[in-house]
Protein backbone atom coordinates (compact mmCIF):
# COMPACT_ATOMS: atom_id res chain seq x y z
CA MET A 1 -15.37 -26.88 -55.89
CA ASN A 2 -12.48 -24.56 -56.67
CA SER A 3 -11.33 -22.12 -53.98
CA PRO A 4 -8.63 -19.46 -53.80
CA PHE A 5 -8.42 -19.95 -50.02
CA VAL A 6 -6.83 -22.35 -47.80
CA ILE A 7 -8.68 -24.59 -45.56
CA ALA A 8 -6.97 -25.28 -42.20
CA VAL A 9 -7.57 -28.72 -41.03
CA VAL A 10 -6.62 -29.46 -37.16
CA ASP A 11 -6.51 -32.97 -36.22
CA ASP A 12 -3.89 -34.58 -33.66
CA ASP A 13 -4.10 -37.92 -35.97
CA PRO A 14 -1.80 -37.62 -38.98
CA ASP A 15 -3.90 -40.26 -40.85
CA VAL A 16 -6.90 -38.12 -40.54
CA ARG A 17 -5.02 -35.14 -41.93
CA ARG A 18 -3.64 -36.98 -44.80
CA SER A 19 -7.04 -38.27 -45.65
CA LEU A 20 -8.77 -34.91 -45.39
CA ASP A 21 -5.75 -33.26 -47.39
CA SER A 22 -6.25 -35.80 -50.16
CA LEU A 23 -10.22 -35.61 -50.30
CA LEU A 24 -9.99 -31.69 -50.37
CA ARG A 25 -7.16 -31.67 -52.89
CA SER A 26 -9.15 -34.10 -55.21
CA ALA A 27 -12.15 -31.32 -55.06
CA GLY A 28 -9.62 -28.61 -56.05
CA VAL A 29 -9.57 -27.23 -52.42
CA VAL A 30 -6.10 -26.37 -51.02
CA CYS A 31 -5.49 -27.02 -47.21
CA ARG A 32 -2.88 -26.98 -44.52
CA GLY A 33 -2.83 -29.42 -41.69
CA PHE A 34 -2.02 -28.72 -37.99
CA ALA A 35 -1.47 -31.32 -35.54
CA SER A 36 -2.93 -28.95 -32.65
CA GLY A 37 -4.90 -26.07 -31.99
CA ALA A 38 -1.69 -24.30 -30.76
CA ASP A 39 0.24 -24.93 -34.05
CA LEU A 40 -2.69 -23.32 -35.83
CA LEU A 41 -2.76 -20.42 -33.55
CA ALA A 42 1.11 -19.78 -34.04
CA ALA A 43 0.34 -19.57 -37.86
CA ASP A 44 -0.62 -16.46 -40.14
CA GLY A 45 -4.42 -16.82 -39.55
CA SER A 46 -5.34 -14.47 -42.46
CA ALA A 47 -4.54 -17.10 -45.07
CA PHE A 48 -7.50 -19.28 -44.17
CA GLY A 49 -10.95 -19.46 -45.50
CA CYS A 50 -12.24 -21.56 -42.65
CA VAL A 51 -11.07 -23.91 -40.17
CA VAL A 52 -12.07 -27.74 -39.90
CA THR A 53 -11.23 -28.96 -36.42
CA ASP A 54 -11.31 -31.99 -34.46
CA ILE A 55 -12.94 -31.71 -30.99
CA ASN A 56 -11.08 -34.45 -29.01
CA MET A 57 -7.45 -33.51 -29.09
CA PRO A 58 -4.80 -33.41 -26.29
CA GLY A 59 -3.84 -30.10 -25.00
CA MET A 60 -6.41 -27.85 -26.60
CA THR A 61 -9.90 -29.10 -27.61
CA GLY A 62 -11.53 -28.00 -30.86
CA LEU A 63 -14.10 -26.10 -28.71
CA GLU A 64 -11.23 -24.29 -26.91
CA LEU A 65 -9.62 -23.63 -30.12
CA GLN A 66 -12.92 -22.14 -31.40
CA ALA A 67 -13.23 -19.80 -28.25
CA GLU A 68 -9.49 -18.71 -28.48
CA MET A 69 -9.96 -17.79 -32.23
CA ALA A 70 -12.82 -15.83 -31.04
CA CYS A 71 -10.86 -14.19 -28.30
CA ARG A 72 -8.04 -13.25 -30.82
CA GLY A 73 -10.66 -11.57 -33.21
CA TRP A 74 -10.33 -14.45 -35.65
CA ARG A 75 -13.40 -14.22 -37.82
CA HIS A 76 -13.09 -17.62 -39.49
CA ARG A 77 -15.84 -19.94 -39.97
CA VAL A 78 -15.47 -23.24 -38.05
CA ILE A 79 -16.38 -26.72 -38.89
CA LEU A 80 -16.16 -29.09 -35.87
CA MET A 81 -15.77 -32.87 -36.10
CA THR A 82 -15.78 -35.62 -33.76
CA ALA A 83 -16.00 -39.45 -33.27
CA TYR A 84 -17.56 -39.01 -30.11
CA ALA A 85 -20.36 -36.60 -30.35
CA THR A 86 -22.66 -35.54 -27.58
CA ALA A 87 -25.44 -33.32 -27.61
CA ALA A 88 -23.90 -30.79 -25.20
CA MET A 89 -20.86 -30.54 -27.48
CA ARG A 90 -22.89 -29.98 -30.50
CA GLU A 91 -24.79 -27.30 -28.79
CA GLN A 92 -21.77 -25.39 -27.42
CA GLY A 93 -19.99 -25.50 -30.86
CA LEU A 94 -22.96 -24.40 -32.85
CA ALA A 95 -23.64 -21.71 -30.20
CA ALA A 96 -20.35 -20.35 -30.56
CA GLY A 97 -20.78 -19.97 -34.41
CA ALA A 98 -19.68 -23.31 -35.92
CA VAL A 99 -21.22 -23.62 -39.40
CA ALA A 100 -21.32 -27.43 -39.17
CA PHE A 101 -20.91 -30.33 -36.66
CA LEU A 102 -19.76 -33.51 -38.43
CA THR A 103 -19.27 -36.90 -36.96
CA LYS A 104 -16.61 -39.15 -37.85
CA PRO A 105 -15.97 -41.23 -40.03
CA ILE A 106 -16.60 -37.91 -42.01
CA ASP A 107 -19.03 -38.17 -45.04
CA PRO A 108 -16.92 -36.43 -47.83
CA ASP A 109 -20.00 -34.78 -49.33
CA GLN A 110 -21.05 -33.49 -46.09
CA LEU A 111 -17.66 -32.03 -45.56
CA LEU A 112 -17.32 -30.56 -49.04
CA GLU A 113 -20.93 -28.95 -48.53
CA ALA A 114 -19.85 -27.62 -45.21
CA ILE A 115 -16.69 -25.98 -46.69
CA GLY A 116 -18.61 -24.64 -49.45
CA CYS A 117 -20.83 -22.96 -47.03
CA ALA A 118 -18.09 -21.70 -44.65
CA SER A 119 -15.55 -20.46 -46.99
CA PRO A 120 -15.80 -16.78 -47.83
CA ARG A 121 -16.57 -15.83 -51.40
CA MET A 122 -14.69 -13.76 -53.74
CA PRO A 123 -16.51 -10.47 -54.99
CA ASP A 124 -18.18 -10.97 -58.63
């Protein structure tokens, strides 16, 4: 999977960010990690193909980040991930437009498939 787009990975756990960075780079995907939703929102969002975010983070949850991105007009596709999934959380995220809802520990193939579906395509 080669993509000219940068995938934003938002997770407060540096080990998770490093692990996902390693996985994505091995698949030919460039990513940039952020420790919080606020850090992502302070960045130039136009550079990202999609956003992969944890839900349970201090400060701003992934669901709150998803809502704030929509309020700001960011049209990025969002992939949500959590170790503590609930049906309500899944419903809320998917209803708000998330393209995938993944449970940690993340299955590498599921994540790569979700990113492939979420990333914008270059015109042929």
